[in-house]
C-alpha atoms as a PDB file:
ATOM      1  CA  MET A   1       4.756  -7.540   0.164  1.00  0.00           C
ATOM      2  CA  ASP A   2       6.331  -4.115  -0.524  1.00  0.00           C
ATOM      3  CA  LEU A   3       5.656  -0.734  -1.804  1.00  0.00           C
ATOM      4  CA  GLN A   4       7.443   0.150  -5.218  1.00  0.00           C
ATOM      5  CA  SER A   5       9.797   3.420  -5.551  1.00  0.00           C
ATOM      6  CA  VAL A   6       7.743   6.271  -6.528  1.00  0.00           C
ATOM      7  CA  LEU A   7       6.993   6.158 -10.479  1.00  0.00           C
ATOM      8  CA  LEU A   8       6.919   9.332 -12.035  1.00  0.00           C
ATOM      9  CA  CYS A   9       4.730  10.568 -15.052  1.00  0.00           C
ATOM     10  CA  PRO A  10       5.366  11.613 -17.411  1.00  0.00           C
ATOM     11  CA  LYS A  11       8.959  10.383 -18.142  1.00  0.00           C
ATOM     12  CA  THR A  12      10.398  10.824 -21.069  1.00  0.00           C
ATOM     13  CA  LYS A  13      13.937  11.867 -22.350  1.00  0.00           C
ATOM     14  CA  ALA A  14      12.774  15.475 -23.512  1.00  0.00           C
ATOM     15  CA  SER A  15      15.093  17.933 -22.015  1.00  0.00           C
ATOM     16  CA  LYS A  16      12.254  20.457 -21.202  1.00  0.00           C
ATOM     17  CA  MET A  17      11.170  17.970 -18.671  1.00  0.00           C
ATOM     18  CA  TYR A  18      14.415  17.494 -16.902  1.00  0.00           C
ATOM     19  CA  TYR A  19      13.539  20.259 -14.126  1.00  0.00           C
ATOM     20  CA  LYS A  20       9.455  19.847 -13.700  1.00  0.00           C
ATOM     21  CA  THR A  21       7.860  18.348 -11.285  1.00  0.00           C
ATOM     22  CA  LYS A  22       5.515  15.346 -12.535  1.00  0.00           C
ATOM     23  CA  LEU A  23       2.776  13.333 -11.398  1.00  0.00           C
ATOM     24  CA  GLN A  24       3.659  10.503  -8.710  1.00  0.00           C
ATOM     25  CA  MET A  25       2.416   7.352  -9.417  1.00  0.00           C
ATOM     26  CA  HIS A  26       2.330   4.296  -6.207  1.00  0.00           C
ATOM     27  CA  ASN A  27       2.379   0.540  -6.752  1.00  0.00           C
ATOM     28  CA  PHE A  28       1.516  -1.452  -3.669  1.00  0.00           C
ATOM     29  CA  THR A  29       2.807  -5.458  -4.140  1.00  0.00           C
ATOM     30  CA  CYS A  30       2.042  -8.662  -2.993  1.00  0.00           C
ATOM     31  CA  PHE A  31       3.548 -11.650  -3.803  1.00  0.00           C
ATOM     32  CA  ASN A  32       1.911 -14.965  -2.899  1.00  0.00           C
ATOM     33  CA  LEU A  33       4.532 -17.664  -2.109  1.00  0.00           C
ATOM     34  CA  GLY A  34       2.226 -20.684  -2.660  1.00  0.00           C
ATOM     35  CA  ASN A  35       1.106 -20.067  -5.948  1.00  0.00           C
ATOM     36  CA  LYS A  36       3.566 -17.392  -7.347  1.00  0.00           C
ATOM     37  CA  ASP A  37       0.673 -15.051  -8.040  1.00  0.00           C
ATOM     38  CA  GLY A  38       1.566 -11.407  -7.998  1.00  0.00           C
ATOM     39  CA  PHE A  39      -0.489  -8.186  -7.205  1.00  0.00           C
ATOM     40  CA  CYS A  40      -0.198  -4.807  -8.003  1.00  0.00           C
ATOM     41  CA  TYR A  41      -2.291  -2.084  -6.173  1.00  0.00           C
ATOM     42  CA  ALA A  42      -1.899   1.433  -7.743  1.00  0.00           C
ATOM     43  CA  TRP A  43      -2.704   4.756  -7.513  1.00  0.00           C
ATOM     44  CA  GLU A  44      -2.037   8.370  -8.441  1.00  0.00           C
ATOM     45  CA  GLU A  45      -0.819  10.905  -5.694  1.00  0.00           C
ATOM     46  CA  HIS A  46      -4.210  12.767  -6.414  1.00  0.00           C
ATOM     47  CA  GLU A  47      -6.350   9.700  -5.549  1.00  0.00           C
ATOM     48  CA  GLY A  48      -4.667   8.747  -2.298  1.00  0.00           C
ATOM     49  CA  SER A  49      -2.082   9.530   0.178  1.00  0.00           C
ATOM     50  CA  LEU A  50       0.785   7.555   1.763  1.00  0.00           C
ATOM     51  CA  SER A  51      -0.820   7.035   5.294  1.00  0.00           C
ATOM     52  CA  SER A  52      -0.868   4.043   7.386  1.00  0.00           C
ATOM     53  CA  GLU A  53      -4.773   3.983   6.844  1.00  0.00           C
ATOM     54  CA  VAL A  54      -4.302   3.392   3.108  1.00  0.00           C
ATOM     55  CA  PHE A  55      -1.803   0.173   3.395  1.00  0.00           C
ATOM     56  CA  ALA A  56      -4.441  -0.715   6.374  1.00  0.00           C
ATOM     57  CA  HIS A  57      -7.189  -0.821   3.741  1.00  0.00           C
ATOM     58  CA  LEU A  58      -4.961  -2.346   0.718  1.00  0.00           C
ATOM     59  CA  GLN A  59      -3.625  -4.875   3.178  1.00  0.00           C
ATOM     60  CA  TYR A  60      -7.206  -5.847   4.489  1.00  0.00           C
ATOM     61  CA  LYS A  61      -9.052  -6.007   1.121  1.00  0.00           C
ATOM     62  CA  HIS A  62      -6.007  -7.997  -0.268  1.00  0.00           C
ATOM     63  CA  PHE A  63      -5.966 -10.773   2.399  1.00  0.00           C
ATOM     64  CA  GLU A  64      -9.913 -10.535   2.458  1.00  0.00           C
ATOM     65  CA  SER A  65     -10.102 -11.774  -1.104  1.00  0.00           C
ATOM     66  CA  VAL A  66      -7.656 -14.249  -0.498  1.00  0.00           C
ATOM     67  CA  LEU A  67      -9.418 -15.663   2.525  1.00  0.00           C
ATOM     68  CA  ASP A  68     -12.957 -15.613   0.566  1.00  0.00           C
ATOM     69  CA  ALA A  69     -11.284 -17.444  -2.532  1.00  0.00           C
ATOM     70  CA  ASN A  70      -9.702 -20.219   0.013  1.00  0.00           C
ATOM     71  CA  ARG A  71     -12.182 -20.982   2.491  1.00  0.00           C
ATOM     72  CA  ASN A  72      -9.884 -23.550   4.011  1.00  0.00           C
ATOM     73  CA  ILE A  73      -6.907 -21.514   5.100  1.00  0.00           C
ATOM     74  CA  GLU A  74      -6.621 -21.253   8.783  1.00  0.00           C
ATOM     75  CA  LYS A  75      -3.318 -19.440   9.089  1.00  0.00           C
ATOM     76  CA  VAL A  76      -1.900 -16.483   6.928  1.00  0.00           C
ATOM     77  CA  ILE A  77       1.765 -15.686   6.995  1.00  0.00           C
ATOM     78  CA  ILE A  78       2.812 -12.184   5.686  1.00  0.00           C
ATOM     79  CA  TRP A  79       6.533 -11.178   5.331  1.00  0.00           C
ATOM     80  CA  SER A  80       7.449  -7.255   5.002  1.00  0.00           C
ATOM     81  CA  ASP A  81       9.957  -4.866   5.935  1.00  0.00           C
ATOM     82  CA  GLY A  82       9.592  -2.944   9.043  1.00  0.00           C
ATOM     83  CA  CYS A  83       8.394   0.156   7.820  1.00  0.00           C
ATOM     84  CA  GLY A  84       6.409   1.838  10.484  1.00  0.00           C
ATOM     85  CA  TYR A  85       3.676   3.336   8.430  1.00  0.00           C
ATOM     86  CA  GLN A  86       3.432   0.763   6.155  1.00  0.00           C
ATOM     87  CA  ASN A  87       3.433  -2.575   8.387  1.00  0.00           C
ATOM     88  CA  ARG A  88       4.523  -2.035  12.185  1.00  0.00           C
ATOM     89  CA  CYS A  89       1.792   0.274  13.524  1.00  0.00           C
ATOM     90  CA  CYS A  90      -1.599   0.010  15.326  1.00  0.00           C
ATOM     91  CA  THR A  91      -3.397   1.247  12.336  1.00  0.00           C
ATOM     92  CA  ILE A  92      -1.985  -1.970  10.494  1.00  0.00           C
ATOM     93  CA  THR A  93      -2.611  -3.661  14.031  1.00  0.00           C
ATOM     94  CA  ASN A  94      -6.349  -3.279  13.887  1.00  0.00           C
ATOM     95  CA  ALA A  95      -6.884  -3.890  10.360  1.00  0.00           C
ATOM     96  CA  TYR A  96      -5.635  -7.539  10.728  1.00  0.00           C
ATOM     97  CA  LEU A  97      -6.761  -8.039  13.927  1.00  0.00           C
ATOM     98  CA  ASP A  98     -10.641  -7.473  12.710  1.00  0.00           C
ATOM     99  CA  LEU A  99      -9.752  -9.501   9.793  1.00  0.00           C
ATOM    100  CA  ALA A 100      -8.496 -12.254  12.229  1.00  0.00           C
ATOM    101  CA  MET A 101     -11.894 -12.225  14.103  1.00  0.00           C
ATOM    102  CA  LYS A 102     -14.321 -11.994  11.234  1.00  0.00           C
ATOM    103  CA  HIS A 103     -12.895 -14.672   9.462  1.00  0.00           C
ATOM    104  CA  GLY A 104     -11.821 -17.231  12.500  1.00  0.00           C
ATOM    105  CA  VAL A 105      -8.518 -17.320  11.005  1.00  0.00           C
ATOM    106  CA  THR A 106      -4.820 -16.817  12.930  1.00  0.00           C
ATOM    107  CA  ILE A 107      -2.693 -14.043  11.142  1.00  0.00           C
ATOM    108  CA  GLU A 108       1.281 -13.842  11.388  1.00  0.00           C
ATOM    109  CA  GLN A 109       2.674 -11.207  10.560  1.00  0.00           C
ATOM    110  CA  LYS A 110       6.831 -10.999  10.469  1.00  0.00           C
ATOM    111  CA  PHE A 111       8.991  -8.306  10.120  1.00  0.00           C
ATOM    112  CA  LEU A 112      12.399  -8.832   8.119  1.00  0.00           C
ATOM    113  CA  VAL A 113      15.500  -7.920   9.759  1.00  0.00           C
ATOM    114  CA  ALA A 114      16.780  -4.595   8.459  1.00  0.00           C
ATOM    115  CA  GLY A 115      19.504  -4.972   6.229  1.00  0.00           C
ATOM    116  CA  HIS A 116      18.479  -8.575   4.708  1.00  0.00           C
ATOM    117  CA  THR A 117      15.039  -7.430   3.617  1.00  0.00           C
ATOM    118  CA  GLN A 118      15.197  -9.027  -0.177  1.00  0.00           C
ATOM    119  CA  MET A 119      12.142 -10.518  -0.878  1.00  0.00           C
ATOM    120  CA  GLU A 120      10.124 -11.904  -3.908  1.00  0.00           C
ATOM    121  CA  CYS A 121       8.304  -8.684  -4.203  1.00  0.00           C
ATOM    122  CA  ASP A 122      11.901  -7.026  -5.403  1.00  0.00           C
ATOM    123  CA  SER A 123      11.723  -9.558  -8.008  1.00  0.00           C
ATOM    124  CA  MET A 124       8.185  -7.704  -9.122  1.00  0.00           C
ATOM    125  CA  HIS A 125       9.711  -4.400  -9.007  1.00  0.00           C
ATOM    126  CA  SER A 126      12.796  -5.175 -11.363  1.00  0.00           C
ATOM    127  CA  LEU A 127      10.701  -6.559 -14.021  1.00  0.00           C
ATOM    128  CA  ILE A 128       8.735  -3.291 -13.672  1.00  0.00           C
ATOM    129  CA  GLU A 129      11.558  -1.089 -13.907  1.00  0.00           C
ATOM    130  CA  ARG A 130      12.736  -2.887 -16.773  1.00  0.00           C
ATOM    131  CA  ARG A 131       9.784  -1.991 -18.913  1.00  0.00           C
ATOM    132  CA  THR A 132       9.574   1.987 -17.837  1.00  0.00           C
ATOM    133  CA  ILE A 133      13.011   2.526 -19.948  1.00  0.00           C
ATOM    134  CA  LYS A 134      11.030   3.303 -22.649  1.00  0.00           C
ATOM    135  CA  ASP A 135       8.508   6.455 -22.481  1.00  0.00           C
ATOM    136  CA  ILE A 136       5.901   7.195 -20.355  1.00  0.00           C
ATOM    137  CA  HIS A 137       2.921   9.693 -21.175  1.00  0.00           C
ATOM    138  CA  THR A 138       0.138   8.915 -19.156  1.00  0.00           C
ATOM    139  CA  PRO A 139      -0.461   7.052 -15.464  1.00  0.00           C
ATOM    140  CA  ARG A 140      -2.377   4.499 -17.730  1.00  0.00           C
ATOM    141  CA  ASP A 141       0.912   3.468 -19.664  1.00  0.00           C
ATOM    142  CA  TYR A 142       2.331   2.350 -15.803  1.00  0.00           C
ATOM    143  CA  ILE A 143      -0.733   0.098 -15.747  1.00  0.00           C
ATOM    144  CA  VAL A 144      -0.174  -1.638 -19.032  1.00  0.00           C
ATOM    145  CA  ILE A 145       3.636  -2.101 -18.097  1.00  0.00           C
ATOM    146  CA  PHE A 146       2.348  -3.668 -14.601  1.00  0.00           C
ATOM    147  CA  GLU A 147      -0.203  -5.902 -16.559  1.00  0.00           C
ATOM    148  CA  THR A 148       2.597  -6.932 -19.258  1.00  0.00           C
ATOM    149  CA  ALA A 149       5.985  -7.253 -16.934  1.00  0.00           C
ATOM    150  CA  ARG A 150       5.215 -10.847 -16.143  1.00  0.00           C
ATOM    151  CA  LEU A 151       3.572 -13.471 -18.493  1.00  0.00           C
ATOM    152  CA  HIS A 152       4.750 -16.704 -16.659  1.00  0.00           C
ATOM    153  CA  PRO A 153       3.378 -18.378 -14.903  1.00  0.00           C
ATOM    154  CA  SER A 154       0.585 -15.789 -15.084  1.00  0.00           C
ATOM    155  CA  PRO A 155       0.396 -11.729 -15.692  1.00  0.00           C
ATOM    156  CA  TYR A 156       0.222 -10.093 -12.355  1.00  0.00           C
ATOM    157  CA  LYS A 157      -3.178  -9.105 -11.375  1.00  0.00           C
ATOM    158  CA  VAL A 158      -3.251  -5.225 -11.447  1.00  0.00           C
ATOM    159  CA  THR A 159      -5.947  -3.081  -9.591  1.00  0.00           C
ATOM    160  CA  GLN A 160      -6.305   0.508 -10.382  1.00  0.00           C
ATOM    161  CA  LEU A 161      -7.660   2.300  -7.502  1.00  0.00           C
ATOM    162  CA  TYR A 162      -8.984   5.629  -6.704  1.00  0.00           C
ATOM    163  CA  HIS A 163      -9.823   8.211  -4.082  1.00  0.00           C
ATOM    164  CA  SER A 164     -13.282   6.584  -3.187  1.00  0.00           C
ATOM    165  CA  ASP A 165     -11.778   3.014  -2.840  1.00  0.00           C
ATOM    166  CA  PHE A 166      -9.949   3.817   0.059  1.00  0.00           C
ATOM    167  CA  MET A 167     -11.289   3.365   3.621  1.00  0.00           C
ATOM    168  CA  LYS A 168     -10.708   3.251   7.531  1.00  0.00           C
ATOM    169  CA  LEU A 169     -11.658   1.640   9.947  1.00  0.00           C
ATOM    170  CA  SER A 170     -14.565   2.845  12.450  1.00  0.00           C
ATOM    171  CA  TRP A 171     -12.913   1.993  15.922  1.00  0.00           C
ATOM    172  CA  ALA A 172      -9.381   1.163  17.269  1.00  0.00           C
ATOM    173  CA  TYR A 173      -9.306  -1.854  18.939  1.00  0.00           C
ATOM    174  CA  VAL A 174      -5.586  -1.117  20.020  1.00  0.00           C
ATOM    175  CA  THR A 175      -3.884   2.494  20.123  1.00  0.00           C
ATOM    176  CA  LYS A 176      -0.398   1.257  20.568  1.00  0.00           C
ATOM    177  CA  ILE A 177       1.400  -1.729  19.908  1.00  0.00           C
ATOM    178  CA  ARG A 178       4.507  -1.316  22.392  1.00  0.00           C
ATOM    179  CA  PRO A 179       5.816  -4.559  23.639  1.00  0.00           C
ATOM    180  CA  GLY A 180       6.664  -2.804  26.747  1.00  0.00           C
ATOM    181  CA  ARG A 181       5.220  -0.125  29.602  1.00  0.00           C
ATOM    182  CA  LYS A 182       8.289   1.416  31.308  1.00  0.00           C
ATOM    183  CA  VAL A 183      11.118   3.632  30.323  1.00  0.00           C
ATOM    184  CA  GLY A 184      13.784   0.787  29.058  1.00  0.00           C
ATOM    185  CA  ASP A 185      11.355  -1.200  27.928  1.00  0.00           C
ATOM    186  CA  PRO A 186      11.375  -2.865  24.282  1.00  0.00           C
ATOM    187  CA  THR A 187       9.690  -0.552  22.200  1.00  0.00           C
ATOM    188  CA  VAL A 188       7.682  -0.749  18.588  1.00  0.00           C
ATOM    189  CA  HIS A 189      10.973  -1.237  16.338  1.00  0.00           C
ATOM    190  CA  ASP A 190      12.141  -4.135  18.390  1.00  0.00           C
ATOM    191  CA  LEU A 191       8.690  -6.080  17.419  1.00  0.00           C
ATOM    192  CA  ARG A 192       9.978  -8.921  15.057  1.00  0.00           C
ATOM    193  CA  ALA A 193       6.487 -10.804  14.807  1.00  0.00           C
ATOM    194  CA  LEU A 194       2.836 -10.304  15.548  1.00  0.00           C
ATOM    195  CA  GLN A 195       0.277 -12.979  15.694  1.00  0.00           C
ATOM    196  CA  TYR A 196      -3.587 -12.183  15.598  1.00  0.00           C
ATOM    197  CA  LEU A 197      -6.187 -14.590  16.972  1.00  0.00           C
ATOM    198  CA  ALA A 198      -9.592 -15.034  16.103  1.00  0.00           C
ATOM    199  CA  ASP A 199     -10.146 -14.888  19.799  1.00  0.00           C
ATOM    200  CA  GLY A 200      -9.229 -11.329  19.616  1.00  0.00           C
ATOM    201  CA  ARG A 201      -5.883 -11.664  21.338  1.00  0.00           C
ATOM    202  CA  ILE A 202      -2.325 -10.359  20.103  1.00  0.00           C
ATOM    203  CA  ARG A 203       0.698 -11.921  20.528  1.00  0.00           C
ATOM    204  CA  HIS A 204       4.434 -10.824  19.815  1.00  0.00           C
ATOM    205  CA  LYS A 205       8.042 -11.879  19.176  1.00  0.00           C
ATOM    206  CA  LEU A 206      11.076  -9.799  19.923  1.00  0.00           C
ATOM    207  CA  ASP A 207      13.151 -12.705  17.748  1.00  0.00           C
ATOM    208  CA  PHE A 208      11.882 -15.044  15.708  1.00  0.00           C
ATOM    209  CA  GLU A 209      13.480 -17.949  17.945  1.00  0.00           C
ATOM    210  CA  SER A 210      11.364 -16.995  21.210  1.00  0.00           C
ATOM    211  CA  ASP A 211       7.948 -18.238  22.340  1.00  0.00           C
ATOM    212  CA  TRP A 212       4.671 -16.013  21.700  1.00  0.00           C
ATOM    213  CA  GLU A 213       3.850 -13.970  24.344  1.00  0.00           C
ATOM    214  CA  ASP A 214       0.800 -11.667  24.685  1.00  0.00           C
ATOM    215  CA  LEU A 215       1.044  -8.156  24.154  1.00  0.00           C
ATOM    216  CA  PRO A 216       0.736  -6.169  26.976  1.00  0.00           C
ATOM    217  CA  GLN A 217      -2.179  -3.823  25.591  1.00  0.00           C
ATOM    218  CA  ARG A 218      -5.816  -3.680  26.494  1.00  0.00           C
ATOM    219  CA  LEU A 219      -7.932  -4.512  23.728  1.00  0.00           C
ATOM    220  CA  SER A 220     -11.111  -2.061  23.324  1.00  0.00           C
ATOM    221  CA  ILE A 221     -14.141  -3.926  22.374  1.00  0.00           C
ATOM    222  CA  PRO A 222     -17.033  -1.414  20.369  1.00  0.00           C
ATOM    223  CA  GLU A 223     -20.716  -1.877  21.385  1.00  0.00           C
ATOM    224  CA  GLU A 224     -21.411  -1.836  17.755  1.00  0.00           C
ATOM    225  CA  PRO A 225     -19.990  -3.915  14.771  1.00  0.00           C
ATOM    226  CA  VAL A 226     -16.672  -2.250  13.507  1.00  0.00           C
ATOM    227  CA  HIS A 227     -16.969  -1.297   9.923  1.00  0.00           C
ATOM    228  CA  TRP A 228     -15.087   0.839   7.338  1.00  0.00           C
ATOM    229  CA  VAL A 229     -15.844   4.103   6.551  1.00  0.00           C
ATOM    230  CA  PRO A 230     -14.265   6.765   3.490  1.00  0.00           C
ATOM    231  CA  LEU A 231     -10.981   7.846   4.005  1.00  0.00           C
ATOM    232  CA  PHE A 232     -10.906  10.571   1.601  1.00  0.00           C
ATOM    233  CA  PRO A 233     -14.220  12.602   0.580  1.00  0.00           C
ATOM    234  CA  ALA A 234     -12.438  13.989  -2.687  1.00  0.00           C
ATOM    235  CA  GLN A 235      -9.410  13.693  -4.503  1.00  0.00           C
ATOM    236  CA  LEU A 236      -6.433  15.078  -3.239  1.00  0.00           C
ATOM    237  CA  PRO A 237      -5.168  18.236  -4.544  1.00  0.00           C
ATOM    238  CA  ILE A 238      -1.402  18.834  -5.844  1.00  0.00           C
ATOM    239  CA  THR A 239       0.596  22.046  -5.470  1.00  0.00           C
ATOM    240  CA  LEU A 240       0.540  24.805  -7.997  1.00  0.00           C
ATOM    241  CA  ARG A 241       3.989  24.539  -8.876  1.00  0.00           C
ATOM    242  CA  LYS A 242       2.941  20.912 -10.089  1.00  0.00           C
ATOM    243  CA  TYR A 243       0.097  21.873 -11.836  1.00  0.00           C
ATOM    244  CA  ASN A 244       2.239  24.824 -13.959  1.00  0.00           C
ATOM    245  CA  ASP A 245       5.169  22.594 -14.773  1.00  0.00           C
ATOM    246  CA  LEU A 246       2.276  19.558 -16.080  1.00  0.00           C
ATOM    247  CA  GLN A 247       0.785  22.088 -18.387  1.00  0.00           C
ATOM    248  CA  ALA A 248       4.280  23.253 -19.395  1.00  0.00           C
ATOM    249  CA  MET A 249       5.332  19.880 -20.381  1.00  0.00           C
ATOM    250  CA  LYS A 250       2.274  18.978 -22.440  1.00  0.00           C
ATOM    251  CA  PRO A 251       3.452  20.731 -25.705  1.00  0.00           C
ATOM    252  CA  VAL A 252       6.058  17.912 -25.536  1.00  0.00           C
ATOM    253  CA  LEU A 253       3.609  14.853 -25.066  1.00  0.00           C
ATOM    254  CA  PRO A 254       1.705  13.087 -28.116  1.00  0.00           C
ATOM    255  CA  LYS A 255      -1.507  14.696 -29.481  1.00  0.00           C
ATOM    256  CA  TRP A 256      -4.243  12.378 -29.020  1.00  0.00           C
ATOM    257  CA  PRO A 257      -7.353  13.059 -31.360  1.00  0.00           C
ATOM    258  CA  THR A 258      -9.427  15.483 -30.552  1.00  0.00           C
ATOM    259  CA  SER A 259     -12.674  13.440 -30.830  1.00  0.00           C
ATOM    260  CA  THR A 260     -11.361  11.379 -28.010  1.00  0.00           C
ATOM    261  CA  THR A 261     -12.976  12.171 -24.771  1.00  0.00           C
ATOM    262  CA  THR A 262     -10.676  12.176 -21.750  1.00  0.00           C
ATOM    263  CA  THR A 263     -10.896  13.473 -18.307  1.00  0.00           C
ATOM    264  CA  SER A 264      -8.462  16.055 -16.548  1.00  0.00           C
ATOM    265  CA  LEU A 265      -6.349  14.545 -13.867  1.00  0.00           C
ATOM    266  CA  ILE A 266      -5.933  18.063 -12.632  1.00  0.00           C
ATOM    267  CA  ASN A 267      -8.624  19.827 -11.568  1.00  0.00           C
ATOM    268  CA  ARG A 268      -7.719  23.707 -10.988  1.00  0.00           C
ATOM    269  CA  LYS A 269     -10.176  24.538  -8.131  1.00  0.00           C
ATOM    270  CA  ARG A 270      -8.391  22.207  -5.920  1.00  0.00           C
ATOM    271  CA  VAL A 271      -4.776  23.230  -6.601  1.00  0.00           C
ATOM    272  CA  HIS A 272      -2.656  24.415  -3.456  1.00  0.00           C
ATOM    273  CA  THR A 273      -1.219  27.759  -3.609  1.00  0.00           C
ATOM    274  CA  ALA A 274       1.319  27.064  -1.939  1.00  0.00           C
ATOM    275  CA  PRO A 275       5.158  26.259  -3.515  1.00  0.00           C
ATOM    276  CA  GLU A 276       5.885  22.737  -3.261  1.00  0.00           C
END
């Protein structure tokens, strides 16, 4: 799994757009090595941020759906790069531990070595980028591209997300995942793999060849069941500069029939007055 490079909207060859700030589109991708299924989770910058809570919930919901559809699974192995806020932090750890305990499975999270992070998600990004050469006028154009970027063995499964879809855990089982305690001991960046067990234990490896060792961090168990709570109470604001630039680009975009009812992506009342 991996996050694709930021996609900008609108995107055309019109010179008037060159120096304008544009709306950002994010696409988090997952690839199942077993059946070759590809998944795209897309959202616009005003619907969600790039915080660790966002990625924790995305990964939790994705693998929860996999486990619900395949009740016989006993172990899930996840490969990713070592990006801190996306994959290697206590927020992600809490989500995976909660998932492992609730579904009675073992989850292994493995981090690729820096400089050797080529994975199947990159092929997904490549296919998508080939289709973005043409003009992009609205975020919906990107969704269509994701859905049609691959036809065989099957199209990518695309989910468009909104601010109300993002959640965060109501409790933190652990507050840090450092494998050492003293100065000079290994740090989070030295972790090569994490293992989450159904009994609530977390184990780690500092290299792929070594044996699993318990993570030296105390687990905090709540008195009440852990649940997910809303992360964003409303859409996120954009900067005033971006709002003005988006308005300035409207004359070079296609004009849709006036009878078509559309919902504005930008709410003037929630625009920042600070420059970008």
